[in-house]
Amino acid sequence: SAFAQQSGEAARVALVIANEAYPQARIAGAVAQGRAVAQTL
């Protein structure tokens, strides 16, 4: 895949993981935050 990118603009790649629904320790707003980050990226 690297050789396929030799021409043109550099690839822009992102990974967004948003885990909120932990039964023992929920993180309020994590999913909404992740969606906002993913949308911006």
PDB file of all heavy atoms in Angstrom:
ATOM      1  N   SER A   1       0.829  -1.198   0.000  1.00  0.00           N
ATOM      2  CA  SER A   1       0.000   0.000   0.000  1.00  0.00           C
ATOM      3  C   SER A   1       0.863   1.247   0.000  1.00  0.00           C
ATOM      4  O   SER A   1       0.480   2.273  -0.538  1.00  0.00           O
ATOM      5  CB  SER A   1      -0.928  -0.002   1.210  1.00  0.00           C
ATOM      6  OG  SER A   1      -0.194  -0.140   2.407  1.00  0.00           O
ATOM      7  N   ALA A   2       2.062   1.163   0.592  1.00  0.00           N
ATOM      8  CA  ALA A   2       2.943   2.329   0.613  1.00  0.00           C
ATOM      9  C   ALA A   2       3.380   2.694  -0.792  1.00  0.00           C
ATOM     10  O   ALA A   2       3.397   3.874  -1.152  1.00  0.00           O
ATOM     11  CB  ALA A   2       4.169   2.043   1.490  1.00  0.00           C
ATOM     12  N   PHE A   3       3.743   1.712  -1.601  1.00  0.00           N
ATOM     13  CA  PHE A   3       4.178   2.002  -2.970  1.00  0.00           C
ATOM     14  C   PHE A   3       3.050   2.600  -3.790  1.00  0.00           C
ATOM     15  O   PHE A   3       3.268   3.377  -4.716  1.00  0.00           O
ATOM     16  CB  PHE A   3       4.710   0.727  -3.641  1.00  0.00           C
ATOM     17  CG  PHE A   3       6.061   0.311  -3.113  1.00  0.00           C
ATOM     18  CD1 PHE A   3       6.268  -0.976  -2.646  1.00  0.00           C
ATOM     19  CD2 PHE A   3       7.112   1.214  -3.063  1.00  0.00           C
ATOM     20  CE1 PHE A   3       7.502  -1.362  -2.158  1.00  0.00           C
ATOM     21  CE2 PHE A   3       8.353   0.835  -2.570  1.00  0.00           C
ATOM     22  CZ  PHE A   3       8.543  -0.463  -2.118  1.00  0.00           C
ATOM     23  N   ALA A   4       1.803   2.253  -3.431  1.00  0.00           N
ATOM     24  CA  ALA A   4       0.664   2.801  -4.166  1.00  0.00           C
ATOM     25  C   ALA A   4       0.484   4.277  -3.910  1.00  0.00           C
ATOM     26  O   ALA A   4      -0.209   4.962  -4.641  1.00  0.00           O
ATOM     27  CB  ALA A   4      -0.613   2.046  -3.778  1.00  0.00           C
ATOM     28  N   GLN A   5       1.139   4.808  -2.849  1.00  0.00           N
ATOM     29  CA  GLN A   5       0.972   6.206  -2.487  1.00  0.00           C
ATOM     30  C   GLN A   5       2.156   7.060  -2.935  1.00  0.00           C
ATOM     31  O   GLN A   5       2.317   8.173  -2.479  1.00  0.00           O
ATOM     32  CB  GLN A   5       0.824   6.325  -0.961  1.00  0.00           C
ATOM     33  CG  GLN A   5      -0.438   5.696  -0.412  1.00  0.00           C
ATOM     34  CD  GLN A   5      -1.660   6.491  -0.782  1.00  0.00           C
ATOM     35  OE1 GLN A   5      -1.599   7.701  -0.923  1.00  0.00           O
ATOM     36  NE2 GLN A   5      -2.771   5.816  -0.959  1.00  0.00           N
ATOM     37  N   GLN A   6       3.002   6.540  -3.788  1.00  0.00           N
ATOM     38  CA  GLN A   6       4.194   7.290  -4.165  1.00  0.00           C
ATOM     39  C   GLN A   6       3.869   8.566  -4.907  1.00  0.00           C
ATOM     40  O   GLN A   6       4.608   9.526  -4.858  1.00  0.00           O
ATOM     41  CB  GLN A   6       5.115   6.407  -5.012  1.00  0.00           C
ATOM     42  CG  GLN A   6       5.840   5.348  -4.176  1.00  0.00           C
ATOM     43  CD  GLN A   6       6.781   4.517  -5.005  1.00  0.00           C
ATOM     44  OE1 GLN A   6       6.821   4.641  -6.226  1.00  0.00           O
ATOM     45  NE2 GLN A   6       7.546   3.661  -4.367  1.00  0.00           N
ATOM     46  N   SER A   7       2.767   8.603  -5.585  1.00  0.00           N
ATOM     47  CA  SER A   7       2.385   9.817  -6.289  1.00  0.00           C
ATOM     48  C   SER A   7       1.155  10.414  -5.642  1.00  0.00           C
ATOM     49  O   SER A   7       0.391   9.720  -4.999  1.00  0.00           O
ATOM     50  CB  SER A   7       2.081   9.502  -7.765  1.00  0.00           C
ATOM     51  OG  SER A   7       1.007   8.607  -7.857  1.00  0.00           O
ATOM     52  N   GLY A   8       0.982  11.709  -5.804  1.00  0.00           N
ATOM     53  CA  GLY A   8      -0.175  12.383  -5.243  1.00  0.00           C
ATOM     54  C   GLY A   8       0.041  12.775  -3.796  1.00  0.00           C
ATOM     55  O   GLY A   8       1.130  12.675  -3.248  1.00  0.00           O
ATOM     56  N   GLU A   9      -1.028  13.229  -3.163  1.00  0.00           N
ATOM     57  CA  GLU A   9      -0.947  13.700  -1.792  1.00  0.00           C
ATOM     58  C   GLU A   9      -0.781  12.542  -0.822  1.00  0.00           C
ATOM     59  O   GLU A   9      -1.190  11.414  -1.083  1.00  0.00           O
ATOM     60  CB  GLU A   9      -2.211  14.482  -1.444  1.00  0.00           C
ATOM     61  CG  GLU A   9      -2.371  15.763  -2.246  1.00  0.00           C
ATOM     62  CD  GLU A   9      -3.601  16.533  -1.811  1.00  0.00           C
ATOM     63  OE1 GLU A   9      -4.342  16.042  -0.936  1.00  0.00           O
ATOM     64  OE2 GLU A   9      -3.793  17.634  -2.355  1.00  0.00           O
ATOM     65  N   ALA A  10      -0.172  12.843   0.347  1.00  0.00           N
ATOM     66  CA  ALA A  10      -0.005  11.844   1.383  1.00  0.00           C
ATOM     67  C   ALA A  10      -1.365  11.382   1.891  1.00  0.00           C
ATOM     68  O   ALA A  10      -2.318  12.159   1.978  1.00  0.00           O
ATOM     69  CB  ALA A  10       0.821  12.414   2.535  1.00  0.00           C
ATOM     70  N   ALA A  11      -1.443  10.097   2.223  1.00  0.00           N
ATOM     71  CA  ALA A  11      -2.685   9.558   2.772  1.00  0.00           C
ATOM     72  C   ALA A  11      -2.962  10.190   4.130  1.00  0.00           C
ATOM     73  O   ALA A  11      -2.047  10.556   4.867  1.00  0.00           O
ATOM     74  CB  ALA A  11      -2.572   8.045   2.898  1.00  0.00           C
ATOM     75  N   ARG A  12      -4.243  10.322   4.456  1.00  0.00           N
ATOM     76  CA  ARG A  12      -4.674  10.830   5.766  1.00  0.00           C
ATOM     77  C   ARG A  12      -5.599   9.768   6.348  1.00  0.00           C
ATOM     78  O   ARG A  12      -6.690   9.519   5.822  1.00  0.00           O
ATOM     79  CB  ARG A  12      -5.382  12.173   5.612  1.00  0.00           C
ATOM     80  CG  ARG A  12      -4.417  13.283   5.214  1.00  0.00           C
ATOM     81  CD  ARG A  12      -5.118  14.509   4.653  1.00  0.00           C
ATOM     82  NE  ARG A  12      -5.892  15.279   5.618  1.00  0.00           N
ATOM     83  CZ  ARG A  12      -5.376  16.178   6.461  1.00  0.00           C
ATOM     84  NH1 ARG A  12      -4.062  16.386   6.480  1.00  0.00           N
ATOM     85  NH2 ARG A  12      -6.142  16.861   7.284  1.00  0.00           N
ATOM     86  N   VAL A  13      -5.141   9.159   7.432  1.00  0.00           N
ATOM     87  CA  VAL A  13      -5.822   7.991   7.994  1.00  0.00           C
ATOM     88  C   VAL A  13      -6.088   8.241   9.473  1.00  0.00           C
ATOM     89  O   VAL A  13      -5.250   8.815  10.181  1.00  0.00           O
ATOM     90  CB  VAL A  13      -4.960   6.719   7.835  1.00  0.00           C
ATOM     91  CG1 VAL A  13      -5.715   5.496   8.353  1.00  0.00           C
ATOM     92  CG2 VAL A  13      -4.555   6.526   6.381  1.00  0.00           C
ATOM     93  N   ALA A  14      -7.254   7.815   9.941  1.00  0.00           N
ATOM     94  CA  ALA A  14      -7.599   8.018  11.346  1.00  0.00           C
ATOM     95  C   ALA A  14      -8.319   6.802  11.901  1.00  0.00           C
ATOM     96  O   ALA A  14      -9.025   6.081  11.190  1.00  0.00           O
ATOM     97  CB  ALA A  14      -8.477   9.257  11.502  1.00  0.00           C
ATOM     98  N   LEU A  15      -8.135   6.592  13.190  1.00  0.00           N
ATOM     99  CA  LEU A  15      -8.840   5.556  13.944  1.00  0.00           C
ATOM    100  C   LEU A  15      -9.515   6.235  15.133  1.00  0.00           C
ATOM    101  O   LEU A  15      -8.861   6.944  15.904  1.00  0.00           O
ATOM    102  CB  LEU A  15      -7.858   4.492  14.445  1.00  0.00           C
ATOM    103  CG  LEU A  15      -8.419   3.444  15.419  1.00  0.00           C
ATOM    104  CD1 LEU A  15      -9.491   2.591  14.747  1.00  0.00           C
ATOM    105  CD2 LEU A  15      -7.290   2.556  15.967  1.00  0.00           C
ATOM    106  N   VAL A  16     -10.823   6.052  15.265  1.00  0.00           N
ATOM    107  CA  VAL A  16     -11.576   6.649  16.369  1.00  0.00           C
ATOM    108  C   VAL A  16     -12.316   5.539  17.099  1.00  0.00           C
ATOM    109  O   VAL A  16     -13.147   4.836  16.511  1.00  0.00           O
ATOM    110  CB  VAL A  16     -12.582   7.707  15.871  1.00  0.00           C
ATOM    111  CG1 VAL A  16     -13.406   8.245  17.042  1.00  0.00           C
ATOM    112  CG2 VAL A  16     -11.853   8.846  15.169  1.00  0.00           C
ATOM    113  N   ILE A  17     -12.012   5.384  18.382  1.00  0.00           N
ATOM    114  CA  ILE A  17     -12.657   4.375  19.228  1.00  0.00           C
ATOM    115  C   ILE A  17     -13.327   5.107  20.382  1.00  0.00           C
ATOM    116  O   ILE A  17     -12.674   5.862  21.106  1.00  0.00           O
ATOM    117  CB  ILE A  17     -11.633   3.361  19.776  1.00  0.00           C
ATOM    118  CG1 ILE A  17     -10.921   2.645  18.621  1.00  0.00           C
ATOM    119  CG2 ILE A  17     -12.315   2.345  20.698  1.00  0.00           C
ATOM    120  CD1 ILE A  17      -9.710   1.834  19.058  1.00  0.00           C
ATOM    121  N   ALA A  18     -14.628   4.894  20.554  1.00  0.00           N
ATOM    122  CA  ALA A  18     -15.375   5.561  21.623  1.00  0.00           C
ATOM    123  C   ALA A  18     -16.144   4.516  22.415  1.00  0.00           C
ATOM    124  O   ALA A  18     -17.173   4.020  21.963  1.00  0.00           O
ATOM    125  CB  ALA A  18     -16.320   6.606  21.036  1.00  0.00           C
ATOM    126  N   ASN A  19     -15.649   4.189  23.578  1.00  0.00           N
ATOM    127  CA  ASN A  19     -16.280   3.198  24.451  1.00  0.00           C
ATOM    128  C   ASN A  19     -16.896   3.898  25.656  1.00  0.00           C
ATOM    129  O   ASN A  19     -16.187   4.497  26.466  1.00  0.00           O
ATOM    130  CB  ASN A  19     -15.253   2.157  24.921  1.00  0.00           C
ATOM    131  CG  ASN A  19     -14.956   1.126  23.848  1.00  0.00           C
ATOM    132  OD1 ASN A  19     -15.630   1.086  22.817  1.00  0.00           O
ATOM    133  ND2 ASN A  19     -13.958   0.285  24.072  1.00  0.00           N
ATOM    134  N   GLU A  20     -18.190   3.806  25.746  1.00  0.00           N
ATOM    135  CA  GLU A  20     -18.934   4.490  26.815  1.00  0.00           C
ATOM    136  C   GLU A  20     -19.656   3.533  27.744  1.00  0.00           C
ATOM    137  O   GLU A  20     -19.664   3.724  28.966  1.00  0.00           O
ATOM    138  CB  GLU A  20     -19.960   5.440  26.177  1.00  0.00           C
ATOM    139  CG  GLU A  20     -20.883   6.125  27.159  1.00  0.00           C
ATOM    140  CD  GLU A  20     -21.801   7.129  26.478  1.00  0.00           C
ATOM    141  OE1 GLU A  20     -21.354   7.793  25.518  1.00  0.00           O
ATOM    142  OE2 GLU A  20     -22.962   7.260  26.921  1.00  0.00           O
ATOM    143  N   ALA A  21     -20.258   2.471  27.187  1.00  0.00           N
ATOM    144  CA  ALA A  21     -21.236   1.660  27.919  1.00  0.00           C
ATOM    145  C   ALA A  21     -20.596   0.551  28.751  1.00  0.00           C
ATOM    146  O   ALA A  21     -20.949  -0.627  28.643  1.00  0.00           O
ATOM    147  CB  ALA A  21     -22.250   1.072  26.936  1.00  0.00           C
ATOM    148  N   TYR A  22     -19.642   0.911  29.623  1.00  0.00           N
ATOM    149  CA  TYR A  22     -19.079  -0.052  30.568  1.00  0.00           C
ATOM    150  C   TYR A  22     -20.108  -0.294  31.669  1.00  0.00           C
ATOM    151  O   TYR A  22     -20.525   0.661  32.338  1.00  0.00           O
ATOM    152  CB  TYR A  22     -17.791   0.484  31.181  1.00  0.00           C
ATOM    153  CG  TYR A  22     -16.657   0.674  30.206  1.00  0.00           C
ATOM    154  CD1 TYR A  22     -16.483   1.887  29.552  1.00  0.00           C
ATOM    155  CD2 TYR A  22     -15.744  -0.348  29.953  1.00  0.00           C
ATOM    156  CE1 TYR A  22     -15.437   2.082  28.658  1.00  0.00           C
ATOM    157  CE2 TYR A  22     -14.693  -0.171  29.065  1.00  0.00           C
ATOM    158  CZ  TYR A  22     -14.545   1.048  28.415  1.00  0.00           C
ATOM    159  OH  TYR A  22     -13.507   1.236  27.535  1.00  0.00           O
ATOM    160  N   PRO A  23     -20.536  -1.530  31.883  1.00  0.00           N
ATOM    161  CA  PRO A  23     -21.577  -1.775  32.898  1.00  0.00           C
ATOM    162  C   PRO A  23     -21.191  -1.300  34.292  1.00  0.00           C
ATOM    163  O   PRO A  23     -22.033  -0.822  35.048  1.00  0.00           O
ATOM    164  CB  PRO A  23     -21.751  -3.302  32.859  1.00  0.00           C
ATOM    165  CG  PRO A  23     -21.285  -3.707  31.495  1.00  0.00           C
ATOM    166  CD  PRO A  23     -20.166  -2.766  31.155  1.00  0.00           C
ATOM    167  N   GLN A  24     -19.908  -1.389  34.627  1.00  0.00           N
ATOM    168  CA  GLN A  24     -19.477  -1.032  35.977  1.00  0.00           C
ATOM    169  C   GLN A  24     -18.943   0.395  36.088  1.00  0.00           C
ATOM    170  O   GLN A  24     -18.773   0.897  37.199  1.00  0.00           O
ATOM    171  CB  GLN A  24     -18.386  -2.006  36.444  1.00  0.00           C
ATOM    172  CG  GLN A  24     -18.862  -3.433  36.609  1.00  0.00           C
ATOM    173  CD  GLN A  24     -17.709  -4.363  36.930  1.00  0.00           C
ATOM    174  OE1 GLN A  24     -17.121  -4.964  36.043  1.00  0.00           O
ATOM    175  NE2 GLN A  24     -17.383  -4.472  38.205  1.00  0.00           N
ATOM    176  N   ALA A  25     -18.665   1.033  34.977  1.00  0.00           N
ATOM    177  CA  ALA A  25     -18.052   2.374  35.052  1.00  0.00           C
ATOM    178  C   ALA A  25     -18.313   3.125  33.755  1.00  0.00           C
ATOM    179  O   ALA A  25     -17.404   3.363  32.955  1.00  0.00           O
ATOM    180  CB  ALA A  25     -16.553   2.258  35.313  1.00  0.00           C
ATOM    181  N   ARG A  26     -19.547   3.494  33.539  1.00  0.00           N
ATOM    182  CA  ARG A  26     -19.945   4.195  32.313  1.00  0.00           C
ATOM    183  C   ARG A  26     -19.200   5.527  32.183  1.00  0.00           C
ATOM    184  O   ARG A  26     -18.963   6.225  33.181  1.00  0.00           O
ATOM    185  CB  ARG A  26     -21.448   4.455  32.340  1.00  0.00           C
ATOM    186  CG  ARG A  26     -22.007   5.051  31.054  1.00  0.00           C
ATOM    187  CD  ARG A  26     -23.514   5.245  31.167  1.00  0.00           C
ATOM    188  NE  ARG A  26     -24.078   5.713  29.927  1.00  0.00           N
ATOM    189  CZ  ARG A  26     -24.478   4.908  28.940  1.00  0.00           C
ATOM    190  NH1 ARG A  26     -24.373   3.601  29.079  1.00  0.00           N
ATOM    191  NH2 ARG A  26     -24.985   5.408  27.826  1.00  0.00           N
ATOM    192  N   ILE A  27     -18.840   5.891  30.961  1.00  0.00           N
ATOM    193  CA  ILE A  27     -18.189   7.178  30.687  1.00  0.00           C
ATOM    194  C   ILE A  27     -19.177   8.040  29.909  1.00  0.00           C
ATOM    195  O   ILE A  27     -19.320   7.908  28.690  1.00  0.00           O
ATOM    196  CB  ILE A  27     -16.885   6.995  29.885  1.00  0.00           C
ATOM    197  CG1 ILE A  27     -15.943   6.052  30.621  1.00  0.00           C
ATOM    198  CG2 ILE A  27     -16.226   8.352  29.662  1.00  0.00           C
ATOM    199  CD1 ILE A  27     -14.673   5.732  29.834  1.00  0.00           C
ATOM    200  N   ALA A  28     -19.871   8.895  30.614  1.00  0.00           N
ATOM    201  CA  ALA A  28     -20.912   9.705  29.979  1.00  0.00           C
ATOM    202  C   ALA A  28     -20.321  10.596  28.891  1.00  0.00           C
ATOM    203  O   ALA A  28     -19.315  11.275  29.108  1.00  0.00           O
ATOM    204  CB  ALA A  28     -21.618  10.563  31.028  1.00  0.00           C
ATOM    205  N   GLY A  29     -20.947  10.577  27.729  1.00  0.00           N
ATOM    206  CA  GLY A  29     -20.558  11.465  26.639  1.00  0.00           C
ATOM    207  C   GLY A  29     -19.442  10.967  25.753  1.00  0.00           C
ATOM    208  O   GLY A  29     -19.072  11.636  24.791  1.00  0.00           O
ATOM    209  N   ALA A  30     -18.889   9.788  26.025  1.00  0.00           N
ATOM    210  CA  ALA A  30     -17.754   9.308  25.231  1.00  0.00           C
ATOM    211  C   ALA A  30     -18.135   9.056  23.778  1.00  0.00           C
ATOM    212  O   ALA A  30     -17.377   9.383  22.858  1.00  0.00           O
ATOM    213  CB  ALA A  30     -17.173   8.035  25.858  1.00  0.00           C
ATOM    214  N   VAL A  31     -19.321   8.482  23.560  1.00  0.00           N
ATOM    215  CA  VAL A  31     -19.738   8.190  22.184  1.00  0.00           C
ATOM    216  C   VAL A  31     -19.981   9.487  21.410  1.00  0.00           C
ATOM    217  O   VAL A  31     -19.542   9.635  20.258  1.00  0.00           O
ATOM    218  CB  VAL A  31     -20.992   7.295  22.180  1.00  0.00           C
ATOM    219  CG1 VAL A  31     -21.630   7.264  20.799  1.00  0.00           C
ATOM    220  CG2 VAL A  31     -20.623   5.873  22.603  1.00  0.00           C
ATOM    221  N   ALA A  32     -20.674  10.425  22.027  1.00  0.00           N
ATOM    222  CA  ALA A  32     -20.908  11.705  21.356  1.00  0.00           C
ATOM    223  C   ALA A  32     -19.584  12.399  21.043  1.00  0.00           C
ATOM    224  O   ALA A  32     -19.420  12.986  19.967  1.00  0.00           O
ATOM    225  CB  ALA A  32     -21.781  12.602  22.233  1.00  0.00           C
ATOM    226  N   GLN A  33     -18.642  12.318  21.967  1.00  0.00           N
ATOM    227  CA  GLN A  33     -17.333  12.911  21.735  1.00  0.00           C
ATOM    228  C   GLN A  33     -16.634  12.232  20.566  1.00  0.00           C
ATOM    229  O   GLN A  33     -16.057  12.886  19.687  1.00  0.00           O
ATOM    230  CB  GLN A  33     -16.473  12.771  22.988  1.00  0.00           C
ATOM    231  CG  GLN A  33     -15.174  13.536  22.932  1.00  0.00           C
ATOM    232  CD  GLN A  33     -15.373  14.999  23.240  1.00  0.00           C
ATOM    233  OE1 GLN A  33     -15.650  15.351  24.362  1.00  0.00           O
ATOM    234  NE2 GLN A  33     -15.217  15.850  22.249  1.00  0.00           N
ATOM    235  N   GLY A  34     -16.697  10.904  20.535  1.00  0.00           N
ATOM    236  CA  GLY A  34     -16.069  10.172  19.443  1.00  0.00           C
ATOM    237  C   GLY A  34     -16.672  10.515  18.093  1.00  0.00           C
ATOM    238  O   GLY A  34     -15.948  10.657  17.095  1.00  0.00           O
ATOM    239  N   ARG A  35     -17.988  10.659  18.051  1.00  0.00           N
ATOM    240  CA  ARG A  35     -18.640  11.022  16.786  1.00  0.00           C
ATOM    241  C   ARG A  35     -18.211  12.407  16.323  1.00  0.00           C
ATOM    242  O   ARG A  35     -18.004  12.644  15.130  1.00  0.00           O
ATOM    243  CB  ARG A  35     -20.156  10.966  16.951  1.00  0.00           C
ATOM    244  CG  ARG A  35     -20.692   9.551  17.117  1.00  0.00           C
ATOM    245  CD  ARG A  35     -22.183   9.530  17.416  1.00  0.00           C
ATOM    246  NE  ARG A  35     -22.676   8.174  17.599  1.00  0.00           N
ATOM    247  CZ  ARG A  35     -23.906   7.862  17.991  1.00  0.00           C
ATOM    248  NH1 ARG A  35     -24.779   8.843  18.220  1.00  0.00           N
ATOM    249  NH2 ARG A  35     -24.270   6.608  18.150  1.00  0.00           N
ATOM    250  N   ALA A  36     -18.080  13.341  17.274  1.00  0.00           N
ATOM    251  CA  ALA A  36     -17.643  14.685  16.910  1.00  0.00           C
ATOM    252  C   ALA A  36     -16.221  14.669  16.364  1.00  0.00           C
ATOM    253  O   ALA A  36     -15.908  15.353  15.382  1.00  0.00           O
ATOM    254  CB  ALA A  36     -17.734  15.610  18.127  1.00  0.00           C
ATOM    255  N   VAL A  37     -15.360  13.876  16.977  1.00  0.00           N
ATOM    256  CA  VAL A  37     -13.984  13.758  16.493  1.00  0.00           C
ATOM    257  C   VAL A  37     -13.968  13.128  15.108  1.00  0.00           C
ATOM    258  O   VAL A  37     -13.286  13.614  14.192  1.00  0.00           O
ATOM    259  CB  VAL A  37     -13.135  12.938  17.482  1.00  0.00           C
ATOM    260  CG1 VAL A  37     -11.768  12.611  16.880  1.00  0.00           C
ATOM    261  CG2 VAL A  37     -12.964  13.698  18.793  1.00  0.00           C
ATOM    262  N   ALA A  38     -14.711  12.044  14.935  1.00  0.00           N
ATOM    263  CA  ALA A  38     -14.735  11.368  13.633  1.00  0.00           C
ATOM    264  C   ALA A  38     -15.263  12.288  12.542  1.00  0.00           C
ATOM    265  O   ALA A  38     -14.737  12.315  11.420  1.00  0.00           O
ATOM    266  CB  ALA A  38     -15.590  10.096  13.720  1.00  0.00           C
ATOM    267  N   GLN A  39     -16.298  13.053  12.855  1.00  0.00           N
ATOM    268  CA  GLN A  39     -16.861  13.980  11.871  1.00  0.00           C
ATOM    269  C   GLN A  39     -15.852  15.054  11.486  1.00  0.00           C
ATOM    270  O   GLN A  39     -15.710  15.406  10.309  1.00  0.00           O
ATOM    271  CB  GLN A  39     -18.118  14.620  12.444  1.00  0.00           C
ATOM    272  CG  GLN A  39     -18.817  15.574  11.486  1.00  0.00           C
ATOM    273  CD  GLN A  39     -20.057  16.201  12.095  1.00  0.00           C
ATOM    274  OE1 GLN A  39     -20.238  16.193  13.306  1.00  0.00           O
ATOM    275  NE2 GLN A  39     -20.916  16.743  11.257  1.00  0.00           N
ATOM    276  N   THR A  40     -15.140  15.584  12.474  1.00  0.00           N
ATOM    277  CA  THR A  40     -14.143  16.616  12.196  1.00  0.00           C
ATOM    278  C   THR A  40     -12.999  16.062  11.355  1.00  0.00           C
ATOM    279  O   THR A  40     -12.543  16.709  10.402  1.00  0.00           O
ATOM    280  CB  THR A  40     -13.597  17.182  13.527  1.00  0.00           C
ATOM    281  OG1 THR A  40     -14.679  17.769  14.258  1.00  0.00           O
ATOM    282  CG2 THR A  40     -12.534  18.236  13.281  1.00  0.00           C
ATOM    283  N   LEU A  41     -12.525  14.874  11.675  1.00  0.00           N
ATOM    284  CA  LEU A  41     -11.443  14.253  10.905  1.00  0.00           C
ATOM    285  C   LEU A  41     -11.894  13.941   9.485  1.00  0.00           C
ATOM    286  O   LEU A  41     -11.158  14.174   8.519  1.00  0.00           O
ATOM    287  CB  LEU A  41     -10.956  12.988  11.610  1.00  0.00           C
ATOM    288  CG  LEU A  41     -10.253  13.198  12.952  1.00  0.00           C
ATOM    289  CD1 LEU A  41     -10.044  11.864  13.669  1.00  0.00           C
ATOM    290  CD2 LEU A  41      -8.906  13.885  12.748  1.00  0.00           C
TER     291      LEU A  41
END
